[in-house]
Amino acid sequence: MRSKAGVGAVALAVLTAATGAIGAPRCASSDEVTAIQAAAIQQQLMVAALTCNQVEHFNAFQVSYGKELRRSDASLERMFRRLYAGRGEAEYHAFKTRLANDSSIRSIHDNQNYCRDASMVFDAALIPDKPTLASFVSGIEVMEQGPINSCGMSVAVGFSGLPLVVPKPNPMRMAALAAPAAPASPASPPGGN
């Protein structure tokens, strides 16, 4: 499928959220990472439908993957609610709006390449023996910064280009989370032993 799509593998790391109340990081599950990828690709294809005259292909994509897209979107919204508590729904909507806006800007700056990339993605998505949504989105290279980053890792989402992120744990953050707090030592008198 990837060779048919003409796109590279996804630079996909574990997406993580802000640290929790007890100091341990709360990281996104693989289903949530897939949901982020799916949302990014769906928003980009929506922009392609409008700016590349690909409405029929977008509608076919929506129908073909409809059930999986709804499940994925529900997972994405649950993730935002879990990670952002009382403002989760607003963060979820803001993320999706940002994806659409960023896609529109990329389309405006280089519509010819944007439409070419979208056509390849539509071709891969609409083959008769289509893959699952999770398999499909894992084969699309994306470039836009993900919605949440911590634990020294991030997910990049958006069409085309080379991977933005080479995921590596942040050693300072991991050490700080693993080390117990050192007791405060009494101050030494100035100039003395």
N, C-alpha and C. Protein backbone atom coordinates (compact mmCIF):
# COMPACT_ATOMS: atom_id res chain seq x y z
N MET A 1 0.83 -1.19 0.00
CA MET A 1 0.00 0.00 0.00
C MET A 1 0.87 1.25 0.00
N ARG A 2 1.96 1.21 0.78
CA ARG A 2 2.80 2.40 0.87
C ARG A 2 3.42 2.73 -0.48
N SER A 3 3.85 1.70 -1.23
CA SER A 3 4.44 2.01 -2.52
C SER A 3 3.39 2.54 -3.48
N LYS A 4 2.17 2.06 -3.39
CA LYS A 4 1.09 2.59 -4.23
C LYS A 4 0.81 4.04 -3.90
N ALA A 5 0.94 4.39 -2.66
CA ALA A 5 0.67 5.77 -2.25
C ALA A 5 1.80 6.70 -2.63
N GLY A 6 3.00 6.16 -2.78
CA GLY A 6 4.13 7.00 -3.13
C GLY A 6 4.56 7.91 -1.99
N VAL A 7 4.27 7.50 -0.78
CA VAL A 7 4.66 8.32 0.37
C VAL A 7 5.51 7.50 1.31
N GLY A 8 6.31 8.17 2.09
CA GLY A 8 7.21 7.51 3.02
C GLY A 8 6.51 7.07 4.28
N ALA A 9 7.25 6.40 5.10
CA ALA A 9 6.71 5.96 6.38
C ALA A 9 6.53 7.15 7.30
N VAL A 10 5.67 6.99 8.25
CA VAL A 10 5.36 8.07 9.18
C VAL A 10 6.44 8.19 10.24
N ALA A 11 6.81 9.43 10.52
CA ALA A 11 7.71 9.68 11.64
C ALA A 11 6.81 9.80 12.85
N LEU A 12 6.49 8.67 13.43
CA LEU A 12 5.47 8.65 14.46
C LEU A 12 6.07 8.18 15.77
N ALA A 13 6.03 9.01 16.77
CA ALA A 13 6.52 8.67 18.09
C ALA A 13 5.34 8.57 19.03
N VAL A 14 5.61 8.14 20.21
CA VAL A 14 4.56 8.13 21.21
C VAL A 14 4.24 9.57 21.57
N LEU A 15 2.97 9.94 21.42
CA LEU A 15 2.54 11.30 21.75
C LEU A 15 2.28 11.34 23.25
N THR A 16 2.75 12.39 23.88
CA THR A 16 2.62 12.47 25.32
C THR A 16 1.97 13.76 25.75
N ALA A 17 1.48 13.76 26.95
CA ALA A 17 0.79 14.92 27.49
C ALA A 17 1.56 15.52 28.64
N ALA A 18 1.00 16.55 29.21
CA ALA A 18 1.61 17.20 30.36
C ALA A 18 1.68 16.23 31.53
N THR A 19 2.62 16.47 32.43
CA THR A 19 2.76 15.56 33.55
C THR A 19 1.56 15.67 34.47
N GLY A 20 1.25 14.57 35.12
CA GLY A 20 0.10 14.50 36.02
C GLY A 20 0.42 15.07 37.38
N ALA A 21 -0.57 15.02 38.25
CA ALA A 21 -0.45 15.60 39.59
C ALA A 21 0.66 14.94 40.40
N ILE A 22 0.91 13.63 40.20
CA ILE A 22 1.94 12.96 40.98
C ILE A 22 3.30 13.03 40.30
N GLY A 23 3.43 13.75 39.20
CA GLY A 23 4.71 13.93 38.56
C GLY A 23 5.02 12.93 37.47
N ALA A 24 4.25 11.88 37.33
CA ALA A 24 4.50 10.89 36.28
C ALA A 24 3.85 11.35 34.99
N PRO A 25 4.53 11.17 33.87
CA PRO A 25 3.94 11.62 32.61
C PRO A 25 2.74 10.76 32.23
N ARG A 26 1.76 11.40 31.61
CA ARG A 26 0.61 10.68 31.07
C ARG A 26 0.76 10.73 29.56
N CYS A 27 0.96 9.58 28.96
CA CYS A 27 1.23 9.54 27.53
C CYS A 27 0.03 9.00 26.77
N ALA A 28 -0.08 9.41 25.52
CA ALA A 28 -1.18 8.96 24.67
C ALA A 28 -0.97 7.49 24.31
N SER A 29 -2.08 6.77 24.19
CA SER A 29 -2.02 5.38 23.76
C SER A 29 -1.81 5.32 22.25
N SER A 30 -1.51 4.13 21.74
CA SER A 30 -1.31 4.00 20.30
C SER A 30 -2.59 4.34 19.54
N ASP A 31 -3.77 4.01 20.11
CA ASP A 31 -5.04 4.39 19.47
C ASP A 31 -5.19 5.90 19.40
N GLU A 32 -4.74 6.60 20.43
CA GLU A 32 -4.83 8.06 20.44
C GLU A 32 -3.87 8.69 19.44
N VAL A 33 -2.68 8.11 19.31
CA VAL A 33 -1.73 8.59 18.31
C VAL A 33 -2.32 8.39 16.91
N THR A 34 -2.93 7.23 16.68
CA THR A 34 -3.59 6.97 15.40
C THR A 34 -4.71 7.98 15.17
N ALA A 35 -5.44 8.31 16.21
CA ALA A 35 -6.54 9.28 16.09
C ALA A 35 -6.01 10.66 15.71
N ILE A 36 -4.87 11.04 16.24
CA ILE A 36 -4.26 12.33 15.88
C ILE A 36 -3.87 12.32 14.41
N GLN A 37 -3.24 11.23 13.98
CA GLN A 37 -2.86 11.10 12.57
C GLN A 37 -4.09 11.15 11.67
N ALA A 38 -5.13 10.41 12.04
CA ALA A 38 -6.35 10.36 11.22
C ALA A 38 -6.99 11.74 11.12
N ALA A 39 -7.04 12.46 12.23
CA ALA A 39 -7.63 13.80 12.21
C ALA A 39 -6.84 14.72 11.29
N ALA A 40 -5.51 14.65 11.36
CA ALA A 40 -4.67 15.49 10.51
C ALA A 40 -4.91 15.19 9.04
N ILE A 41 -4.92 13.93 8.70
CA ILE A 41 -5.11 13.54 7.30
C ILE A 41 -6.51 13.90 6.83
N GLN A 42 -7.51 13.67 7.67
CA GLN A 42 -8.89 14.01 7.30
C GLN A 42 -9.04 15.51 7.04
N GLN A 43 -8.44 16.34 7.89
CA GLN A 43 -8.53 17.78 7.69
C GLN A 43 -7.80 18.21 6.42
N GLN A 44 -6.66 17.61 6.15
CA GLN A 44 -5.91 17.94 4.95
C GLN A 44 -6.68 17.53 3.69
N LEU A 45 -7.33 16.37 3.74
CA LEU A 45 -8.11 15.93 2.59
C LEU A 45 -9.35 16.79 2.41
N MET A 46 -9.91 17.30 3.50
CA MET A 46 -11.05 18.21 3.40
C MET A 46 -10.62 19.49 2.67
N VAL A 47 -9.45 20.01 3.02
CA VAL A 47 -8.95 21.19 2.33
C VAL A 47 -8.70 20.87 0.85
N ALA A 48 -8.15 19.69 0.58
CA ALA A 48 -7.92 19.28 -0.81
C ALA A 48 -9.23 19.17 -1.58
N ALA A 49 -10.28 18.73 -0.91
CA ALA A 49 -11.58 18.65 -1.57
C ALA A 49 -12.00 20.01 -2.10
N LEU A 50 -11.73 21.04 -1.32
CA LEU A 50 -12.15 22.39 -1.69
C LEU A 50 -11.16 23.10 -2.61
N THR A 51 -9.87 22.98 -2.34
CA THR A 51 -8.89 23.74 -3.11
C THR A 51 -8.35 23.00 -4.33
N CYS A 52 -8.58 21.69 -4.39
CA CYS A 52 -8.06 20.88 -5.51
C CYS A 52 -9.20 20.26 -6.32
N ASN A 53 -10.41 20.68 -6.06
CA ASN A 53 -11.59 20.12 -6.74
C ASN A 53 -11.64 18.60 -6.60
N GLN A 54 -11.47 18.13 -5.37
CA GLN A 54 -11.45 16.70 -5.07
C GLN A 54 -12.64 16.30 -4.19
N VAL A 55 -13.76 16.98 -4.34
CA VAL A 55 -14.92 16.74 -3.48
C VAL A 55 -15.40 15.30 -3.58
N GLU A 56 -15.46 14.76 -4.80
CA GLU A 56 -15.92 13.37 -4.96
C GLU A 56 -15.01 12.40 -4.24
N HIS A 57 -13.69 12.63 -4.35
CA HIS A 57 -12.75 11.74 -3.66
C HIS A 57 -12.88 11.87 -2.14
N PHE A 58 -13.05 13.10 -1.67
CA PHE A 58 -13.20 13.29 -0.23
C PHE A 58 -14.47 12.61 0.28
N ASN A 59 -15.56 12.77 -0.45
CA ASN A 59 -16.82 12.13 -0.04
C ASN A 59 -16.66 10.60 -0.03
N ALA A 60 -15.96 10.05 -1.03
CA ALA A 60 -15.73 8.60 -1.07
C ALA A 60 -14.87 8.17 0.12
N PHE A 61 -13.87 8.98 0.47
CA PHE A 61 -13.02 8.69 1.63
C PHE A 61 -13.87 8.67 2.90
N GLN A 62 -14.71 9.68 3.07
CA GLN A 62 -15.56 9.78 4.26
C GLN A 62 -16.51 8.58 4.37
N VAL A 63 -17.08 8.17 3.26
CA VAL A 63 -18.02 7.04 3.27
C VAL A 63 -17.25 5.74 3.52
N SER A 64 -16.15 5.57 2.82
CA SER A 64 -15.38 4.33 2.91
C SER A 64 -14.84 4.08 4.32
N TYR A 65 -14.38 5.13 4.97
CA TYR A 65 -13.79 5.00 6.30
C TYR A 65 -14.71 5.55 7.40
N GLY A 66 -15.96 5.81 7.08
CA GLY A 66 -16.86 6.49 8.00
C GLY A 66 -16.89 5.95 9.41
N LYS A 67 -17.12 4.66 9.56
CA LYS A 67 -17.23 4.07 10.90
C LYS A 67 -15.92 4.20 11.66
N GLU A 68 -14.80 3.92 10.99
CA GLU A 68 -13.50 4.02 11.65
C GLU A 68 -13.14 5.48 11.97
N LEU A 69 -13.51 6.40 11.09
CA LEU A 69 -13.25 7.82 11.35
C LEU A 69 -14.03 8.30 12.58
N ARG A 70 -15.27 7.88 12.71
CA ARG A 70 -16.08 8.28 13.88
C ARG A 70 -15.49 7.71 15.17
N ARG A 71 -15.07 6.45 15.12
CA ARG A 71 -14.45 5.83 16.29
C ARG A 71 -13.14 6.53 16.66
N SER A 72 -12.35 6.83 15.64
CA SER A 72 -11.07 7.50 15.85
C SER A 72 -11.28 8.90 16.42
N ASP A 73 -12.26 9.63 15.89
CA ASP A 73 -12.54 10.97 16.38
C ASP A 73 -13.02 10.94 17.84
N ALA A 74 -13.81 9.94 18.18
CA ALA A 74 -14.26 9.80 19.57
C ALA A 74 -13.06 9.54 20.48
N SER A 75 -12.11 8.74 20.03
CA SER A 75 -10.89 8.48 20.81
C SER A 75 -10.08 9.77 20.98
N LEU A 76 -10.00 10.56 19.92
CA LEU A 76 -9.27 11.84 19.99
C LEU A 76 -9.93 12.78 21.01
N GLU A 77 -11.24 12.88 20.96
CA GLU A 77 -11.93 13.76 21.90
C GLU A 77 -11.77 13.27 23.34
N ARG A 78 -11.85 11.95 23.56
CA ARG A 78 -11.63 11.41 24.92
C ARG A 78 -10.23 11.73 25.42
N MET A 79 -9.25 11.64 24.52
CA MET A 79 -7.87 11.95 24.91
C MET A 79 -7.77 13.41 25.38
N PHE A 80 -8.35 14.33 24.61
CA PHE A 80 -8.30 15.73 25.01
C PHE A 80 -9.04 15.96 26.33
N ARG A 81 -10.16 15.30 26.53
CA ARG A 81 -10.89 15.45 27.80
C ARG A 81 -10.07 14.91 28.96
N ARG A 82 -9.39 13.79 28.74
CA ARG A 82 -8.57 13.18 29.79
C ARG A 82 -7.38 14.07 30.12
N LEU A 83 -6.73 14.61 29.11
CA LEU A 83 -5.50 15.36 29.33
C LEU A 83 -5.73 16.80 29.77
N TYR A 84 -6.87 17.39 29.38
CA TYR A 84 -7.11 18.80 29.67
C TYR A 84 -8.30 19.02 30.60
N ALA A 85 -8.80 17.97 31.19
CA ALA A 85 -9.91 18.06 32.17
C ALA A 85 -11.03 18.97 31.69
N GLY A 86 -11.32 20.03 32.42
CA GLY A 86 -12.46 20.90 32.14
C GLY A 86 -12.40 21.64 30.82
N ARG A 87 -11.22 21.78 30.23
CA ARG A 87 -11.14 22.49 28.95
C ARG A 87 -10.84 21.54 27.79
N GLY A 88 -11.04 20.24 27.99
CA GLY A 88 -10.75 19.23 26.98
C GLY A 88 -11.51 19.40 25.68
N GLU A 89 -12.80 19.69 25.78
CA GLU A 89 -13.60 19.85 24.56
C GLU A 89 -13.12 21.06 23.76
N ALA A 90 -12.83 22.15 24.43
CA ALA A 90 -12.34 23.35 23.75
C ALA A 90 -10.98 23.08 23.10
N GLU A 91 -10.10 22.36 23.78
CA GLU A 91 -8.78 22.03 23.23
C GLU A 91 -8.93 21.12 22.01
N TYR A 92 -9.85 20.18 22.08
CA TYR A 92 -10.13 19.27 20.95
C TYR A 92 -10.57 20.07 19.72
N HIS A 93 -11.52 20.97 19.90
CA HIS A 93 -12.01 21.78 18.77
C HIS A 93 -10.92 22.72 18.25
N ALA A 94 -10.14 23.28 19.15
CA ALA A 94 -9.06 24.18 18.74
C ALA A 94 -8.01 23.43 17.92
N PHE A 95 -7.71 22.19 18.33
CA PHE A 95 -6.74 21.38 17.59
C PHE A 95 -7.24 21.10 16.17
N LYS A 96 -8.48 20.70 16.05
CA LYS A 96 -9.01 20.38 14.72
C LYS A 96 -9.09 21.63 13.84
N THR A 97 -9.43 22.76 14.43
CA THR A 97 -9.46 24.01 13.68
C THR A 97 -8.06 24.38 13.21
N ARG A 98 -7.08 24.22 14.10
CA ARG A 98 -5.69 24.53 13.72
C ARG A 98 -5.23 23.64 12.58
N LEU A 99 -5.59 22.35 12.62
CA LEU A 99 -5.22 21.44 11.52
C LEU A 99 -5.78 21.94 10.19
N ALA A 100 -7.05 22.32 10.18
CA ALA A 100 -7.68 22.81 8.95
C ALA A 100 -7.04 24.12 8.49
N ASN A 101 -6.80 25.03 9.42
CA ASN A 101 -6.19 26.31 9.06
C ASN A 101 -4.77 26.13 8.51
N ASP A 102 -3.98 25.29 9.16
CA ASP A 102 -2.62 25.05 8.70
C ASP A 102 -2.61 24.38 7.33
N SER A 103 -3.54 23.46 7.11
CA SER A 103 -3.66 22.82 5.80
C SER A 103 -4.01 23.84 4.73
N SER A 104 -4.92 24.75 5.04
CA SER A 104 -5.31 25.79 4.09
C SER A 104 -4.12 26.68 3.74
N ILE A 105 -3.34 27.02 4.73
CA ILE A 105 -2.17 27.87 4.50
C ILE A 105 -1.16 27.15 3.61
N ARG A 106 -0.91 25.85 3.88
CA ARG A 106 0.01 25.09 3.03
C ARG A 106 -0.52 25.00 1.60
N SER A 107 -1.81 24.84 1.47
CA SER A 107 -2.42 24.78 0.14
C SER A 107 -2.26 26.11 -0.60
N ILE A 108 -2.44 27.19 0.10
CA ILE A 108 -2.31 28.52 -0.51
C ILE A 108 -0.87 28.76 -0.97
N HIS A 109 0.10 28.35 -0.17
CA HIS A 109 1.51 28.61 -0.50
C HIS A 109 2.05 27.73 -1.63
N ASP A 110 1.50 26.52 -1.77
CA ASP A 110 2.00 25.61 -2.82
C ASP A 110 0.89 24.66 -3.23
N ASN A 111 -0.14 25.22 -3.87
CA ASN A 111 -1.32 24.43 -4.21
C ASN A 111 -1.02 23.27 -5.15
N GLN A 112 -0.13 23.46 -6.09
CA GLN A 112 0.17 22.39 -7.05
C GLN A 112 0.71 21.15 -6.34
N ASN A 113 1.71 21.32 -5.47
CA ASN A 113 2.26 20.17 -4.75
C ASN A 113 1.29 19.64 -3.70
N TYR A 114 0.55 20.53 -3.08
CA TYR A 114 -0.45 20.10 -2.09
C TYR A 114 -1.47 19.19 -2.77
N CYS A 115 -1.96 19.60 -3.92
CA CYS A 115 -2.96 18.80 -4.64
C CYS A 115 -2.38 17.49 -5.15
N ARG A 116 -1.13 17.53 -5.60
CA ARG A 116 -0.47 16.30 -6.04
C ARG A 116 -0.37 15.30 -4.88
N ASP A 117 0.07 15.79 -3.71
CA ASP A 117 0.18 14.91 -2.54
C ASP A 117 -1.18 14.37 -2.13
N ALA A 118 -2.20 15.23 -2.15
CA ALA A 118 -3.54 14.80 -1.78
C ALA A 118 -4.06 13.74 -2.74
N SER A 119 -3.77 13.89 -4.03
CA SER A 119 -4.20 12.90 -5.01
C SER A 119 -3.58 11.54 -4.72
N MET A 120 -2.30 11.54 -4.33
CA MET A 120 -1.65 10.26 -3.99
C MET A 120 -2.30 9.64 -2.76
N VAL A 121 -2.65 10.48 -1.79
CA VAL A 121 -3.28 9.96 -0.57
C VAL A 121 -4.68 9.41 -0.92
N PHE A 122 -5.45 10.14 -1.72
CA PHE A 122 -6.75 9.64 -2.14
C PHE A 122 -6.61 8.33 -2.90
N ASP A 123 -5.64 8.24 -3.80
CA ASP A 123 -5.43 7.00 -4.56
C ASP A 123 -5.17 5.82 -3.64
N ALA A 124 -4.35 6.04 -2.61
CA ALA A 124 -4.04 4.97 -1.66
C ALA A 124 -5.25 4.61 -0.80
N ALA A 125 -6.05 5.61 -0.46
CA ALA A 125 -7.20 5.38 0.43
C ALA A 125 -8.35 4.69 -0.28
N LEU A 126 -8.47 4.90 -1.56
CA LEU A 126 -9.67 4.45 -2.26
C LEU A 126 -9.44 3.23 -3.15
N ILE A 127 -8.38 2.47 -2.87
CA ILE A 127 -8.16 1.23 -3.61
C ILE A 127 -9.24 0.22 -3.22
N PRO A 128 -9.57 -0.71 -4.12
CA PRO A 128 -10.63 -1.68 -3.82
C PRO A 128 -10.40 -2.48 -2.54
N ASP A 129 -9.16 -2.91 -2.32
CA ASP A 129 -8.86 -3.69 -1.12
C ASP A 129 -8.21 -2.76 -0.09
N LYS A 130 -9.00 -1.79 0.39
CA LYS A 130 -8.46 -0.75 1.25
C LYS A 130 -7.98 -1.30 2.59
N PRO A 131 -6.93 -0.69 3.14
CA PRO A 131 -6.45 -1.08 4.47
C PRO A 131 -7.37 -0.51 5.56
N THR A 132 -7.13 -0.93 6.78
CA THR A 132 -7.85 -0.32 7.90
C THR A 132 -7.39 1.13 8.02
N LEU A 133 -8.15 1.95 8.71
CA LEU A 133 -7.78 3.35 8.90
C LEU A 133 -6.43 3.45 9.60
N ALA A 134 -6.22 2.64 10.64
CA ALA A 134 -4.95 2.68 11.39
C ALA A 134 -3.77 2.35 10.48
N SER A 135 -3.91 1.33 9.64
CA SER A 135 -2.83 0.98 8.71
C SER A 135 -2.63 2.08 7.69
N PHE A 136 -3.72 2.63 7.20
CA PHE A 136 -3.65 3.68 6.20
C PHE A 136 -2.91 4.90 6.73
N VAL A 137 -3.32 5.42 7.89
CA VAL A 137 -2.69 6.65 8.40
C VAL A 137 -1.25 6.41 8.81
N SER A 138 -0.90 5.18 9.17
CA SER A 138 0.50 4.91 9.54
C SER A 138 1.40 4.96 8.32
N GLY A 139 0.84 4.90 7.12
CA GLY A 139 1.63 4.95 5.90
C GLY A 139 1.69 6.31 5.24
N ILE A 140 1.15 7.33 5.88
CA ILE A 140 1.15 8.68 5.32
C ILE A 140 2.14 9.53 6.09
N GLU A 141 3.13 10.07 5.38
CA GLU A 141 4.11 10.93 6.03
C GLU A 141 3.48 12.28 6.31
N VAL A 142 3.67 12.76 7.52
CA VAL A 142 3.02 14.01 7.94
C VAL A 142 4.02 14.94 8.62
N MET A 143 3.71 16.24 8.64
CA MET A 143 4.69 17.23 9.07
C MET A 143 4.27 18.26 10.10
N GLU A 144 3.09 18.41 10.45
CA GLU A 144 2.68 19.49 11.36
C GLU A 144 2.89 19.08 12.82
N GLN A 145 3.22 20.04 13.66
CA GLN A 145 3.45 19.76 15.08
C GLN A 145 2.17 19.21 15.72
N GLY A 146 2.31 18.17 16.52
CA GLY A 146 1.18 17.56 17.21
C GLY A 146 0.60 18.45 18.29
N PRO A 147 -0.53 18.05 18.85
CA PRO A 147 -1.23 18.90 19.81
C PRO A 147 -0.60 19.00 21.19
N ILE A 148 0.13 17.99 21.60
CA ILE A 148 0.72 18.00 22.93
C ILE A 148 2.10 17.37 22.88
N ASN A 149 3.02 17.92 23.60
CA ASN A 149 4.38 17.40 23.65
C ASN A 149 4.88 17.47 25.08
N SER A 150 5.41 16.38 25.54
CA SER A 150 6.16 16.35 26.78
C SER A 150 6.86 15.02 26.83
N CYS A 151 7.49 14.70 27.92
CA CYS A 151 8.32 13.49 28.02
C CYS A 151 9.41 13.52 26.96
N GLY A 152 9.69 14.70 26.40
CA GLY A 152 10.73 14.81 25.40
C GLY A 152 10.38 14.18 24.07
N MET A 153 9.10 13.92 23.80
CA MET A 153 8.69 13.29 22.56
C MET A 153 7.56 14.09 21.94
N SER A 154 7.38 13.92 20.64
CA SER A 154 6.28 14.58 19.98
C SER A 154 5.86 13.80 18.75
N VAL A 155 4.75 14.17 18.19
CA VAL A 155 4.26 13.58 16.94
C VAL A 155 4.15 14.71 15.94
N ALA A 156 4.62 14.47 14.75
CA ALA A 156 4.50 15.46 13.69
C ALA A 156 3.35 15.04 12.77
N VAL A 157 2.52 15.98 12.41
CA VAL A 157 1.41 15.68 11.50
C VAL A 157 1.29 16.71 10.40
N GLY A 158 1.01 16.29 9.17
CA GLY A 158 0.84 17.16 8.00
C GLY A 158 1.46 16.53 6.76
N PHE A 159 0.93 16.75 5.57
CA PHE A 159 1.43 16.12 4.35
C PHE A 159 2.87 16.48 4.06
N SER A 160 3.58 15.58 3.44
CA SER A 160 4.78 15.83 2.67
C SER A 160 6.02 16.20 3.46
N GLY A 161 7.16 16.10 2.80
CA GLY A 161 8.42 16.52 3.37
C GLY A 161 9.09 15.45 4.21
N LEU A 162 10.19 15.81 4.81
CA LEU A 162 10.93 14.90 5.67
C LEU A 162 10.40 14.96 7.09
N PRO A 163 10.62 13.90 7.86
CA PRO A 163 10.13 13.92 9.25
C PRO A 163 10.72 15.08 10.03
N LEU A 164 9.87 15.73 10.82
CA LEU A 164 10.31 16.83 11.68
C LEU A 164 11.01 16.32 12.92
N VAL A 165 10.59 15.18 13.41
CA VAL A 165 10.96 14.78 14.75
C VAL A 165 11.64 13.42 14.73
N VAL A 166 12.75 13.34 15.40
CA VAL A 166 13.35 12.05 15.70
C VAL A 166 13.12 11.88 17.20
N PRO A 167 12.16 11.02 17.57
CA PRO A 167 11.77 10.95 18.98
C PRO A 167 12.88 10.39 19.86
N LYS A 168 13.14 11.09 20.95
CA LYS A 168 14.10 10.65 21.94
C LYS A 168 13.59 11.11 23.30
N PRO A 169 13.68 10.24 24.31
CA PRO A 169 13.30 10.70 25.64
C PRO A 169 14.22 11.83 26.08
N ASN A 170 13.66 12.78 26.80
CA ASN A 170 14.44 13.88 27.34
C ASN A 170 15.12 13.37 28.60
N PRO A 171 16.46 13.16 28.60
CA PRO A 171 17.11 12.55 29.76
C PRO A 171 16.96 13.38 31.03
N MET A 172 16.95 14.71 30.91
CA MET A 172 16.82 15.55 32.10
C MET A 172 15.44 15.37 32.74
N ARG A 173 14.40 15.34 31.91
CA ARG A 173 13.05 15.18 32.43
C ARG A 173 12.88 13.79 33.04
N MET A 174 13.40 12.76 32.37
CA MET A 174 13.25 11.40 32.87
C MET A 174 14.00 11.24 34.19
N ALA A 175 15.19 11.85 34.29
CA ALA A 175 15.96 11.77 35.53
C ALA A 175 15.23 12.51 36.65
N ALA A 176 14.64 13.65 36.34
CA ALA A 176 13.92 14.43 37.35
C ALA A 176 12.71 13.66 37.85
N LEU A 177 12.05 12.92 36.96
CA LEU A 177 10.89 12.14 37.38
C LEU A 177 11.30 10.93 38.21
N ALA A 178 12.48 10.36 37.91
CA ALA A 178 12.92 9.15 38.59
C ALA A 178 13.58 9.44 39.94
N ALA A 179 14.24 10.58 40.08
CA ALA A 179 14.99 10.90 41.30
C ALA A 179 14.08 11.46 42.38
N PRO A 180 14.23 10.97 43.62
CA PRO A 180 13.47 11.58 44.71
C PRO A 180 14.02 12.97 45.01
N ALA A 181 13.18 13.81 45.53
CA ALA A 181 13.60 15.18 45.87
C ALA A 181 14.66 15.12 46.96
N ALA A 182 15.75 15.84 46.75
CA ALA A 182 16.84 15.88 47.73
C ALA A 182 16.45 16.79 48.89
N PRO A 183 16.75 16.36 50.15
CA PRO A 183 16.42 17.23 51.28
C PRO A 183 17.28 18.49 51.23
N ALA A 184 16.72 19.56 51.68
CA ALA A 184 17.45 20.85 51.70
C ALA A 184 18.55 20.76 52.75
N SER A 185 19.75 21.22 52.38
CA SER A 185 20.86 21.19 53.33
C SER A 185 20.97 22.57 53.98
N PRO A 186 21.44 22.59 55.23
CA PRO A 186 21.58 23.89 55.88
C PRO A 186 22.65 24.72 55.16
N ALA A 187 22.43 25.98 55.13
CA ALA A 187 23.37 26.89 54.45
C ALA A 187 24.65 27.00 55.24
N SER A 188 25.80 27.03 54.56
CA SER A 188 27.10 27.20 55.22
C SER A 188 27.32 28.69 55.43
N PRO A 189 28.04 29.01 56.47
CA PRO A 189 28.35 30.43 56.69
C PRO A 189 29.25 30.92 55.57
N PRO A 190 29.11 32.17 55.18
CA PRO A 190 29.93 32.71 54.10
C PRO A 190 31.40 32.63 54.45
N GLY A 191 32.21 32.15 53.45
CA GLY A 191 33.67 32.07 53.59
C GLY A 191 34.13 31.04 54.58
N GLY A 192 33.28 30.25 55.17
CA GLY A 192 33.73 29.27 56.16
C GLY A 192 33.55 27.86 55.69
N ASN A 193 34.09 26.94 56.52
CA ASN A 193 33.98 25.51 56.27
C ASN A 193 32.89 24.90 57.05
